[in-house]
Amino acid sequence: MLLIALAVVIAYPVVLAFRIWHQSRVDEVRRADAIVVLGAAQYDGDPSPVFKARLDQAEYLYSEDLAPRIVVTGGRREGDRFSESEVGRAYLTQRGVPPEVILGEDEGTTTIESLTNVHDMAADAGIDTVLLVSDPLHSERIKAIATDLGFDEAYASWTSYTRLNRSRGTKLNELFHEVGALAAYEVLGR
């Protein structure tokens, strides 16, 4: 019995790592009711390089007519003057995206909070399917959360690691983080 438990404890993270890695290699570009950009750091009104890459990907997907709306997510951290959502909206508007097609979720400070809030606003906005934009290794978890929340379809279109200029060490650290985060979500629901 102990060997079985040990095998499960070892195998589960390996399976999660494989799922995360596999999803990070599949860009699921397709039509949806909305493009949802997961927030990332902003610096006093300017998007961080990671957030900018996500917003640029959302702008590209919108320009390809893959969704009629963009939802930008992310609240404020302590001491912030702007929410990630506000910064995302301003950035996209400056890049020519019509402000009337941009919806904002500005309360979430975690992935699950942001996606829950997006789901809560989705019914009123006629959003049943989402094209989620984040980093490649984040894609498996955001798809799982969106599906569990009840979106009819959830797809992931990620920003390129080439564009983000991430080292192998950084990507490995992100993979370990995502394995832990996905395990916490699947086992503990958070």
N, C-alpha and C. Protein backbone atom coordinates (compact mmCIF):
# COMPACT_ATOMS: atom_id res chain seq x y z
N MET A 1 0.82 -1.19 0.00
CA MET A 1 0.00 0.00 0.00
C MET A 1 0.87 1.27 0.00
N LEU A 2 1.95 1.21 0.77
CA LEU A 2 2.86 2.35 0.83
C LEU A 2 3.50 2.62 -0.53
N LEU A 3 3.85 1.55 -1.23
CA LEU A 3 4.44 1.72 -2.57
C LEU A 3 3.46 2.35 -3.55
N ILE A 4 2.21 1.99 -3.45
CA ILE A 4 1.18 2.57 -4.32
C ILE A 4 1.04 4.06 -4.03
N ALA A 5 0.98 4.40 -2.75
CA ALA A 5 0.86 5.82 -2.36
C ALA A 5 2.09 6.61 -2.84
N LEU A 6 3.25 6.02 -2.68
CA LEU A 6 4.48 6.68 -3.13
C LEU A 6 4.49 6.86 -4.64
N ALA A 7 4.03 5.85 -5.36
CA ALA A 7 3.96 5.94 -6.83
C ALA A 7 3.01 7.06 -7.25
N VAL A 8 1.90 7.19 -6.58
CA VAL A 8 0.93 8.25 -6.91
C VAL A 8 1.54 9.63 -6.62
N VAL A 9 2.20 9.74 -5.47
CA VAL A 9 2.81 11.03 -5.10
C VAL A 9 3.87 11.44 -6.11
N ILE A 10 4.58 10.50 -6.66
CA ILE A 10 5.60 10.81 -7.66
C ILE A 10 4.99 11.00 -9.04
N ALA A 11 4.05 10.16 -9.40
CA ALA A 11 3.48 10.19 -10.76
C ALA A 11 2.60 11.41 -10.99
N TYR A 12 1.84 11.84 -10.00
CA TYR A 12 0.91 12.95 -10.20
C TYR A 12 1.61 14.23 -10.68
N PRO A 13 2.66 14.69 -10.01
CA PRO A 13 3.34 15.89 -10.53
C PRO A 13 3.94 15.69 -11.92
N VAL A 14 4.40 14.49 -12.21
CA VAL A 14 4.97 14.21 -13.54
C VAL A 14 3.87 14.32 -14.60
N VAL A 15 2.72 13.76 -14.30
CA VAL A 15 1.59 13.85 -15.24
C VAL A 15 1.18 15.31 -15.42
N LEU A 16 1.10 16.06 -14.32
CA LEU A 16 0.76 17.49 -14.43
C LEU A 16 1.79 18.24 -15.27
N ALA A 17 3.06 17.97 -15.04
CA ALA A 17 4.12 18.64 -15.81
C ALA A 17 3.97 18.34 -17.29
N PHE A 18 3.67 17.08 -17.62
CA PHE A 18 3.48 16.73 -19.02
C PHE A 18 2.28 17.47 -19.60
N ARG A 19 1.15 17.51 -18.89
CA ARG A 19 -0.04 18.22 -19.38
C ARG A 19 0.26 19.69 -19.62
N ILE A 20 0.96 20.31 -18.67
CA ILE A 20 1.30 21.74 -18.78
C ILE A 20 2.22 21.96 -19.97
N TRP A 21 3.27 21.14 -20.09
CA TRP A 21 4.21 21.27 -21.19
C TRP A 21 3.50 21.06 -22.53
N HIS A 22 2.68 20.02 -22.62
CA HIS A 22 1.97 19.73 -23.87
C HIS A 22 1.08 20.89 -24.28
N GLN A 23 0.28 21.42 -23.34
CA GLN A 23 -0.61 22.54 -23.67
C GLN A 23 0.19 23.77 -24.06
N SER A 24 1.37 23.94 -23.49
CA SER A 24 2.18 25.13 -23.80
C SER A 24 2.70 25.11 -25.23
N ARG A 25 2.57 23.99 -25.90
CA ARG A 25 3.04 23.86 -27.27
C ARG A 25 1.90 23.93 -28.29
N VAL A 26 0.66 24.11 -27.80
CA VAL A 26 -0.52 24.11 -28.67
C VAL A 26 -1.18 25.49 -28.61
N ASP A 27 -1.06 26.25 -29.67
CA ASP A 27 -1.72 27.55 -29.76
C ASP A 27 -3.09 27.33 -30.41
N GLU A 28 -4.15 27.49 -29.63
CA GLU A 28 -5.50 27.14 -30.08
C GLU A 28 -6.25 28.35 -30.66
N VAL A 29 -5.66 28.99 -31.62
CA VAL A 29 -6.29 30.16 -32.23
C VAL A 29 -7.55 29.74 -32.96
N ARG A 30 -8.68 30.31 -32.53
CA ARG A 30 -9.97 30.07 -33.19
C ARG A 30 -10.96 31.12 -32.72
N ARG A 31 -12.10 31.18 -33.39
CA ARG A 31 -13.12 32.17 -33.05
C ARG A 31 -13.72 31.88 -31.69
N ALA A 32 -14.09 32.96 -30.99
CA ALA A 32 -14.72 32.86 -29.68
C ALA A 32 -15.57 34.12 -29.47
N ASP A 33 -16.36 34.10 -28.43
CA ASP A 33 -17.17 35.28 -28.10
C ASP A 33 -16.33 36.41 -27.54
N ALA A 34 -15.21 36.06 -26.89
CA ALA A 34 -14.34 37.09 -26.32
C ALA A 34 -12.92 36.57 -26.18
N ILE A 35 -11.99 37.49 -26.30
CA ILE A 35 -10.59 37.25 -26.00
C ILE A 35 -10.41 37.72 -24.56
N VAL A 36 -9.89 36.87 -23.69
CA VAL A 36 -9.69 37.23 -22.29
C VAL A 36 -8.19 37.27 -22.01
N VAL A 37 -7.71 38.46 -21.64
CA VAL A 37 -6.29 38.67 -21.36
C VAL A 37 -6.08 38.58 -19.86
N LEU A 38 -5.30 37.61 -19.43
CA LEU A 38 -4.98 37.50 -18.01
C LEU A 38 -3.98 38.58 -17.65
N GLY A 39 -4.27 39.28 -16.57
CA GLY A 39 -3.43 40.40 -16.15
C GLY A 39 -2.04 39.97 -15.73
N ALA A 40 -1.16 40.93 -15.71
CA ALA A 40 0.21 40.74 -15.23
C ALA A 40 0.66 42.09 -14.69
N ALA A 41 1.85 42.15 -14.20
CA ALA A 41 2.32 43.37 -13.54
C ALA A 41 2.22 44.60 -14.44
N GLN A 42 1.97 45.71 -13.78
CA GLN A 42 2.02 47.01 -14.45
C GLN A 42 2.81 47.93 -13.54
N TYR A 43 3.48 48.88 -14.16
CA TYR A 43 4.35 49.78 -13.42
C TYR A 43 3.85 51.21 -13.57
N ASP A 44 3.04 51.61 -12.62
CA ASP A 44 2.49 52.97 -12.57
C ASP A 44 1.87 53.40 -13.91
N GLY A 45 1.07 52.50 -14.48
CA GLY A 45 0.35 52.81 -15.70
C GLY A 45 0.95 52.23 -16.96
N ASP A 46 2.13 51.66 -16.87
CA ASP A 46 2.76 51.04 -18.03
C ASP A 46 2.76 49.52 -17.85
N PRO A 47 2.35 48.77 -18.88
CA PRO A 47 2.36 47.31 -18.75
C PRO A 47 3.79 46.78 -18.69
N SER A 48 4.00 45.78 -17.85
CA SER A 48 5.30 45.09 -17.81
C SER A 48 5.51 44.42 -19.16
N PRO A 49 6.74 44.00 -19.46
CA PRO A 49 6.97 43.30 -20.73
C PRO A 49 6.07 42.07 -20.90
N VAL A 50 5.83 41.32 -19.84
CA VAL A 50 4.96 40.14 -19.92
C VAL A 50 3.53 40.57 -20.24
N PHE A 51 3.03 41.59 -19.55
CA PHE A 51 1.66 42.06 -19.79
C PHE A 51 1.54 42.65 -21.19
N LYS A 52 2.55 43.41 -21.61
CA LYS A 52 2.53 43.99 -22.95
C LYS A 52 2.46 42.89 -24.01
N ALA A 53 3.23 41.82 -23.83
CA ALA A 53 3.20 40.71 -24.80
C ALA A 53 1.81 40.08 -24.86
N ARG A 54 1.16 39.94 -23.71
CA ARG A 54 -0.21 39.39 -23.69
C ARG A 54 -1.18 40.33 -24.39
N LEU A 55 -1.06 41.60 -24.12
CA LEU A 55 -1.95 42.59 -24.76
C LEU A 55 -1.72 42.65 -26.26
N ASP A 56 -0.47 42.57 -26.69
CA ASP A 56 -0.17 42.56 -28.13
C ASP A 56 -0.78 41.32 -28.80
N GLN A 57 -0.73 40.18 -28.12
CA GLN A 57 -1.33 38.97 -28.67
C GLN A 57 -2.85 39.15 -28.78
N ALA A 58 -3.47 39.74 -27.77
CA ALA A 58 -4.91 39.98 -27.82
C ALA A 58 -5.26 40.94 -28.95
N GLU A 59 -4.47 41.97 -29.13
CA GLU A 59 -4.72 42.92 -30.22
C GLU A 59 -4.61 42.21 -31.57
N TYR A 60 -3.61 41.36 -31.72
CA TYR A 60 -3.45 40.60 -32.95
C TYR A 60 -4.67 39.71 -33.20
N LEU A 61 -5.11 38.97 -32.19
CA LEU A 61 -6.26 38.09 -32.34
C LEU A 61 -7.51 38.89 -32.70
N TYR A 62 -7.67 40.05 -32.08
CA TYR A 62 -8.81 40.91 -32.38
C TYR A 62 -8.73 41.40 -33.83
N SER A 63 -7.53 41.80 -34.25
CA SER A 63 -7.36 42.30 -35.62
C SER A 63 -7.62 41.22 -36.66
N GLU A 64 -7.49 39.95 -36.26
CA GLU A 64 -7.78 38.83 -37.15
C GLU A 64 -9.26 38.46 -37.11
N ASP A 65 -10.05 39.27 -36.42
CA ASP A 65 -11.51 39.09 -36.33
C ASP A 65 -11.89 37.75 -35.69
N LEU A 66 -11.14 37.36 -34.66
CA LEU A 66 -11.41 36.10 -33.99
C LEU A 66 -12.41 36.24 -32.84
N ALA A 67 -12.69 37.48 -32.42
CA ALA A 67 -13.69 37.72 -31.38
C ALA A 67 -14.11 39.19 -31.46
N PRO A 68 -15.37 39.46 -31.13
CA PRO A 68 -15.84 40.84 -31.19
C PRO A 68 -15.51 41.67 -29.95
N ARG A 69 -15.01 41.01 -28.89
CA ARG A 69 -14.71 41.71 -27.64
C ARG A 69 -13.39 41.22 -27.05
N ILE A 70 -12.82 42.10 -26.25
CA ILE A 70 -11.63 41.76 -25.46
C ILE A 70 -11.96 42.06 -24.01
N VAL A 71 -11.66 41.12 -23.13
CA VAL A 71 -11.81 41.34 -21.69
C VAL A 71 -10.41 41.40 -21.09
N VAL A 72 -10.08 42.53 -20.46
CA VAL A 72 -8.80 42.65 -19.77
C VAL A 72 -9.05 42.45 -18.29
N THR A 73 -8.15 41.71 -17.65
CA THR A 73 -8.36 41.36 -16.24
C THR A 73 -7.23 41.87 -15.37
N GLY A 74 -7.52 41.91 -14.09
CA GLY A 74 -6.49 42.22 -13.10
C GLY A 74 -6.81 43.44 -12.27
N GLY A 75 -6.70 43.25 -10.98
CA GLY A 75 -6.97 44.33 -10.03
C GLY A 75 -5.72 45.11 -9.69
N ARG A 76 -5.79 45.74 -8.52
CA ARG A 76 -4.67 46.54 -8.02
C ARG A 76 -3.95 45.79 -6.92
N ARG A 77 -2.67 45.93 -6.90
CA ARG A 77 -1.87 45.45 -5.77
C ARG A 77 -1.74 46.61 -4.78
N GLU A 78 -1.36 46.31 -3.57
CA GLU A 78 -1.21 47.35 -2.57
C GLU A 78 -0.24 48.43 -3.06
N GLY A 79 -0.67 49.67 -2.99
CA GLY A 79 0.15 50.80 -3.41
C GLY A 79 0.00 51.18 -4.87
N ASP A 80 -0.71 50.39 -5.67
CA ASP A 80 -0.90 50.70 -7.08
C ASP A 80 -1.89 51.85 -7.26
N ARG A 81 -1.61 52.72 -8.22
CA ARG A 81 -2.56 53.76 -8.59
C ARG A 81 -3.52 53.27 -9.65
N PHE A 82 -3.12 52.25 -10.40
CA PHE A 82 -3.93 51.74 -11.50
C PHE A 82 -4.11 50.24 -11.35
N SER A 83 -5.24 49.74 -11.83
CA SER A 83 -5.43 48.29 -11.89
C SER A 83 -4.78 47.78 -13.18
N GLU A 84 -4.48 46.49 -13.20
CA GLU A 84 -3.95 45.89 -14.41
C GLU A 84 -4.96 46.04 -15.54
N SER A 85 -6.23 45.89 -15.21
CA SER A 85 -7.29 46.03 -16.21
C SER A 85 -7.30 47.43 -16.82
N GLU A 86 -7.18 48.46 -16.00
CA GLU A 86 -7.15 49.84 -16.51
C GLU A 86 -5.97 50.05 -17.45
N VAL A 87 -4.82 49.53 -17.05
CA VAL A 87 -3.61 49.68 -17.87
C VAL A 87 -3.78 48.93 -19.19
N GLY A 88 -4.36 47.74 -19.12
CA GLY A 88 -4.60 46.96 -20.33
C GLY A 88 -5.55 47.67 -21.28
N ARG A 89 -6.63 48.22 -20.73
CA ARG A 89 -7.60 48.95 -21.56
C ARG A 89 -6.93 50.15 -22.23
N ALA A 90 -6.17 50.92 -21.46
CA ALA A 90 -5.51 52.11 -22.02
C ALA A 90 -4.52 51.71 -23.12
N TYR A 91 -3.76 50.66 -22.89
CA TYR A 91 -2.78 50.21 -23.86
C TYR A 91 -3.46 49.79 -25.17
N LEU A 92 -4.51 48.98 -25.05
CA LEU A 92 -5.20 48.51 -26.25
C LEU A 92 -5.87 49.66 -27.00
N THR A 93 -6.44 50.59 -26.27
CA THR A 93 -7.07 51.75 -26.90
C THR A 93 -6.04 52.58 -27.66
N GLN A 94 -4.87 52.78 -27.05
CA GLN A 94 -3.79 53.52 -27.72
C GLN A 94 -3.32 52.80 -28.98
N ARG A 95 -3.49 51.49 -29.02
CA ARG A 95 -3.07 50.70 -30.18
C ARG A 95 -4.18 50.60 -31.22
N GLY A 96 -5.30 51.29 -31.00
CA GLY A 96 -6.34 51.36 -32.01
C GLY A 96 -7.54 50.45 -31.80
N VAL A 97 -7.57 49.70 -30.71
CA VAL A 97 -8.75 48.87 -30.43
C VAL A 97 -9.86 49.80 -29.93
N PRO A 98 -11.05 49.73 -30.53
CA PRO A 98 -12.14 50.61 -30.10
C PRO A 98 -12.49 50.38 -28.63
N PRO A 99 -12.58 51.44 -27.84
CA PRO A 99 -12.85 51.28 -26.41
C PRO A 99 -14.16 50.56 -26.11
N GLU A 100 -15.13 50.66 -26.99
CA GLU A 100 -16.43 50.04 -26.73
C GLU A 100 -16.40 48.51 -26.80
N VAL A 101 -15.33 47.93 -27.37
CA VAL A 101 -15.26 46.47 -27.43
C VAL A 101 -14.44 45.89 -26.28
N ILE A 102 -13.90 46.76 -25.42
CA ILE A 102 -13.05 46.30 -24.32
C ILE A 102 -13.85 46.30 -23.03
N LEU A 103 -13.94 45.14 -22.41
CA LEU A 103 -14.56 45.01 -21.10
C LEU A 103 -13.46 44.84 -20.07
N GLY A 104 -13.72 45.28 -18.86
CA GLY A 104 -12.69 45.19 -17.82
C GLY A 104 -13.16 44.44 -16.60
N GLU A 105 -12.30 43.60 -16.09
CA GLU A 105 -12.47 42.92 -14.81
C GLU A 105 -11.34 43.44 -13.95
N ASP A 106 -11.65 44.27 -12.96
CA ASP A 106 -10.59 44.94 -12.22
C ASP A 106 -10.56 44.63 -10.73
N GLU A 107 -11.12 43.49 -10.34
CA GLU A 107 -11.12 43.11 -8.93
C GLU A 107 -10.20 41.94 -8.62
N GLY A 108 -9.97 41.07 -9.58
CA GLY A 108 -9.20 39.85 -9.33
C GLY A 108 -7.73 40.12 -9.11
N THR A 109 -7.17 39.44 -8.11
CA THR A 109 -5.73 39.53 -7.87
C THR A 109 -5.05 38.18 -8.06
N THR A 110 -5.84 37.16 -8.38
CA THR A 110 -5.31 35.84 -8.71
C THR A 110 -5.99 35.37 -9.99
N THR A 111 -5.43 34.34 -10.59
CA THR A 111 -6.01 33.79 -11.81
C THR A 111 -7.44 33.34 -11.58
N ILE A 112 -7.67 32.60 -10.53
CA ILE A 112 -9.02 32.08 -10.29
C ILE A 112 -10.01 33.19 -9.98
N GLU A 113 -9.59 34.21 -9.23
CA GLU A 113 -10.48 35.35 -8.96
C GLU A 113 -10.84 36.07 -10.25
N SER A 114 -9.85 36.33 -11.07
CA SER A 114 -10.11 37.05 -12.33
C SER A 114 -11.04 36.26 -13.23
N LEU A 115 -10.78 34.97 -13.40
CA LEU A 115 -11.63 34.17 -14.29
C LEU A 115 -13.03 33.97 -13.71
N THR A 116 -13.15 33.87 -12.40
CA THR A 116 -14.47 33.79 -11.78
C THR A 116 -15.25 35.08 -12.05
N ASN A 117 -14.60 36.21 -11.91
CA ASN A 117 -15.26 37.49 -12.17
C ASN A 117 -15.64 37.63 -13.64
N VAL A 118 -14.78 37.16 -14.53
CA VAL A 118 -15.11 37.19 -15.97
C VAL A 118 -16.34 36.32 -16.21
N HIS A 119 -16.36 35.14 -15.61
CA HIS A 119 -17.52 34.27 -15.79
C HIS A 119 -18.80 34.92 -15.27
N ASP A 120 -18.71 35.61 -14.14
CA ASP A 120 -19.88 36.28 -13.57
C ASP A 120 -20.42 37.36 -14.49
N MET A 121 -19.54 38.04 -15.21
CA MET A 121 -19.99 39.10 -16.13
C MET A 121 -20.34 38.57 -17.51
N ALA A 122 -19.96 37.32 -17.80
CA ALA A 122 -20.11 36.76 -19.14
C ALA A 122 -21.55 36.62 -19.59
N ALA A 123 -22.43 36.19 -18.72
CA ALA A 123 -23.83 35.98 -19.12
C ALA A 123 -24.45 37.27 -19.61
N ASP A 124 -24.24 38.36 -18.90
CA ASP A 124 -24.80 39.66 -19.30
C ASP A 124 -24.18 40.16 -20.61
N ALA A 125 -22.96 39.73 -20.90
CA ALA A 125 -22.26 40.20 -22.09
C ALA A 125 -22.41 39.22 -23.26
N GLY A 126 -23.12 38.12 -23.07
CA GLY A 126 -23.29 37.14 -24.14
C GLY A 126 -22.02 36.39 -24.48
N ILE A 127 -21.21 36.12 -23.47
CA ILE A 127 -19.94 35.43 -23.68
C ILE A 127 -20.08 33.98 -23.19
N ASP A 128 -20.06 33.05 -24.13
CA ASP A 128 -20.10 31.63 -23.80
C ASP A 128 -18.78 30.92 -24.10
N THR A 129 -18.03 31.47 -25.06
CA THR A 129 -16.75 30.87 -25.44
C THR A 129 -15.65 31.91 -25.29
N VAL A 130 -14.48 31.45 -24.84
CA VAL A 130 -13.38 32.39 -24.58
C VAL A 130 -12.09 31.88 -25.21
N LEU A 131 -11.32 32.84 -25.68
CA LEU A 131 -9.97 32.61 -26.17
C LEU A 131 -9.05 33.28 -25.15
N LEU A 132 -8.40 32.48 -24.32
CA LEU A 132 -7.62 32.97 -23.19
C LEU A 132 -6.19 33.28 -23.61
N VAL A 133 -5.69 34.44 -23.19
CA VAL A 133 -4.34 34.86 -23.56
C VAL A 133 -3.50 35.01 -22.29
N SER A 134 -2.40 34.27 -22.26
CA SER A 134 -1.46 34.34 -21.15
C SER A 134 -0.12 33.79 -21.64
N ASP A 135 0.71 33.35 -20.70
CA ASP A 135 1.98 32.73 -21.05
C ASP A 135 1.75 31.27 -21.40
N PRO A 136 2.63 30.66 -22.18
CA PRO A 136 2.43 29.27 -22.58
C PRO A 136 2.21 28.29 -21.42
N LEU A 137 3.04 28.37 -20.40
CA LEU A 137 2.94 27.41 -19.30
C LEU A 137 1.73 27.65 -18.40
N HIS A 138 1.09 28.78 -18.52
CA HIS A 138 -0.11 29.13 -17.74
C HIS A 138 -1.37 28.57 -18.41
N SER A 139 -1.25 28.16 -19.66
CA SER A 139 -2.42 27.82 -20.48
C SER A 139 -3.24 26.65 -19.96
N GLU A 140 -2.59 25.59 -19.49
CA GLU A 140 -3.33 24.42 -19.01
C GLU A 140 -4.22 24.79 -17.82
N ARG A 141 -3.68 25.55 -16.89
CA ARG A 141 -4.45 25.91 -15.69
C ARG A 141 -5.59 26.86 -16.01
N ILE A 142 -5.36 27.85 -16.87
CA ILE A 142 -6.45 28.79 -17.16
C ILE A 142 -7.57 28.11 -17.94
N LYS A 143 -7.21 27.18 -18.81
CA LYS A 143 -8.25 26.42 -19.53
C LYS A 143 -9.05 25.56 -18.56
N ALA A 144 -8.37 24.91 -17.62
CA ALA A 144 -9.07 24.06 -16.65
C ALA A 144 -10.03 24.90 -15.80
N ILE A 145 -9.58 26.04 -15.34
CA ILE A 145 -10.43 26.90 -14.51
C ILE A 145 -11.63 27.39 -15.32
N ALA A 146 -11.38 27.89 -16.52
CA ALA A 146 -12.48 28.42 -17.35
C ALA A 146 -13.51 27.33 -17.66
N THR A 147 -13.04 26.13 -17.96
CA THR A 147 -13.95 25.02 -18.24
C THR A 147 -14.76 24.66 -17.00
N ASP A 148 -14.10 24.58 -15.86
CA ASP A 148 -14.80 24.26 -14.61
C ASP A 148 -15.81 25.34 -14.22
N LEU A 149 -15.53 26.57 -14.57
CA LEU A 149 -16.47 27.65 -14.26
C LEU A 149 -17.74 27.56 -15.10
N GLY A 150 -17.67 26.88 -16.24
CA GLY A 150 -18.86 26.67 -17.04
C GLY A 150 -18.88 27.33 -18.40
N PHE A 151 -17.75 27.85 -18.86
CA PHE A 151 -17.73 28.36 -20.23
C PHE A 151 -17.96 27.19 -21.17
N ASP A 152 -18.74 27.41 -22.23
CA ASP A 152 -19.02 26.34 -23.19
C ASP A 152 -17.74 25.81 -23.82
N GLU A 153 -16.85 26.73 -24.18
CA GLU A 153 -15.57 26.36 -24.76
C GLU A 153 -14.52 27.34 -24.28
N ALA A 154 -13.34 26.82 -23.96
CA ALA A 154 -12.22 27.66 -23.54
C ALA A 154 -10.98 27.19 -24.29
N TYR A 155 -10.34 28.14 -24.97
CA TYR A 155 -9.13 27.85 -25.74
C TYR A 155 -8.02 28.78 -25.25
N ALA A 156 -6.79 28.39 -25.51
CA ALA A 156 -5.65 29.21 -25.08
C ALA A 156 -4.81 29.60 -26.29
N SER A 157 -4.50 30.88 -26.36
CA SER A 157 -3.56 31.39 -27.35
C SER A 157 -2.53 32.19 -26.58
N TRP A 158 -1.33 31.69 -26.56
CA TRP A 158 -0.32 32.24 -25.68
C TRP A 158 0.65 33.18 -26.39
N THR A 159 1.33 33.93 -25.58
CA THR A 159 2.40 34.79 -26.08
C THR A 159 3.64 33.93 -26.29
N SER A 160 4.46 34.32 -27.22
CA SER A 160 5.65 33.54 -27.58
C SER A 160 6.76 33.72 -26.53
N TYR A 161 7.38 32.60 -26.14
CA TYR A 161 8.52 32.70 -25.24
C TYR A 161 9.70 33.40 -25.91
N THR A 162 9.77 33.33 -27.22
CA THR A 162 10.82 34.05 -27.93
C THR A 162 10.66 35.54 -27.68
N ARG A 163 9.42 36.00 -27.76
CA ARG A 163 9.13 37.42 -27.53
C ARG A 163 9.42 37.81 -26.08
N LEU A 164 9.14 36.90 -25.16
CA LEU A 164 9.35 37.20 -23.73
C LEU A 164 10.81 37.08 -23.32
N ASN A 165 11.63 36.48 -24.19
CA ASN A 165 13.07 36.37 -23.94
C ASN A 165 13.36 35.69 -22.60
N ARG A 166 12.71 34.56 -22.35
CA ARG A 166 12.88 33.83 -21.09
C ARG A 166 13.99 32.79 -21.23
N SER A 167 14.80 32.67 -20.22
CA SER A 167 15.85 31.65 -20.22
C SER A 167 15.24 30.29 -19.91
N ARG A 168 16.01 29.24 -20.17
CA ARG A 168 15.54 27.89 -19.85
C ARG A 168 15.31 27.75 -18.35
N GLY A 169 16.18 28.35 -17.56
CA GLY A 169 16.02 28.29 -16.11
C GLY A 169 14.73 28.95 -15.65
N THR A 170 14.42 30.09 -16.23
CA THR A 170 13.17 30.78 -15.89
C THR A 170 11.97 29.95 -16.29
N LYS A 171 12.02 29.35 -17.47
CA LYS A 171 10.92 28.49 -17.91
C LYS A 171 10.77 27.28 -17.00
N LEU A 172 11.88 26.71 -16.55
CA LEU A 172 11.82 25.57 -15.65
C LEU A 172 11.19 25.98 -14.31
N ASN A 173 11.57 27.14 -13.80
CA ASN A 173 10.96 27.65 -12.57
C ASN A 173 9.46 27.86 -12.76
N GLU A 174 9.07 28.39 -13.92
CA GLU A 174 7.65 28.60 -14.21
C GLU A 174 6.91 27.26 -14.29
N LEU A 175 7.56 26.25 -14.87
CA LEU A 175 6.93 24.93 -14.94
C LEU A 175 6.70 24.38 -13.53
N PHE A 176 7.70 24.48 -12.65
CA PHE A 176 7.52 24.01 -11.27
C PHE A 176 6.40 24.78 -10.58
N HIS A 177 6.36 26.10 -10.79
CA HIS A 177 5.28 26.91 -10.21
C HIS A 177 3.92 26.44 -10.71
N GLU A 178 3.82 26.22 -12.01
CA GLU A 178 2.53 25.80 -12.58
C GLU A 178 2.12 24.41 -12.12
N VAL A 179 3.08 23.50 -11.95
CA VAL A 179 2.74 22.17 -11.42
C VAL A 179 2.13 22.33 -10.03
N GLY A 180 2.76 23.15 -9.18
CA GLY A 180 2.22 23.38 -7.84
C GLY A 180 0.87 24.06 -7.87
N ALA A 181 0.73 25.06 -8.74
CA ALA A 181 -0.53 25.81 -8.82
C ALA A 181 -1.66 24.94 -9.37
N LEU A 182 -1.37 24.13 -10.38
CA LEU A 182 -2.41 23.26 -10.94
C LEU A 182 -2.78 22.17 -9.94
N ALA A 183 -1.80 21.63 -9.23
CA ALA A 183 -2.09 20.63 -8.19
C ALA A 183 -2.96 21.25 -7.10
N ALA A 184 -2.63 22.45 -6.67
CA ALA A 184 -3.44 23.12 -5.64
C ALA A 184 -4.86 23.33 -6.14
N TYR A 185 -4.99 23.71 -7.41
CA TYR A 185 -6.33 23.93 -7.98
C TYR A 185 -7.11 22.61 -8.04
N GLU A 186 -6.47 21.58 -8.56
CA GLU A 186 -7.19 20.30 -8.72
C GLU A 186 -7.49 19.62 -7.40
N VAL A 187 -6.57 19.69 -6.45
CA VAL A 187 -6.75 19.00 -5.18
C VAL A 187 -7.54 19.84 -4.18
N LEU A 188 -7.21 21.13 -4.10
CA LEU A 188 -7.83 21.98 -3.09
C LEU A 188 -8.88 22.94 -3.62
N GLY A 189 -8.98 23.03 -4.94
CA GLY A 189 -9.96 23.95 -5.54
C GLY A 189 -9.58 25.40 -5.46
N ARG A 190 -8.27 25.67 -5.36
CA ARG A 190 -7.82 27.07 -5.34
C ARG A 190 -6.48 27.23 -6.01
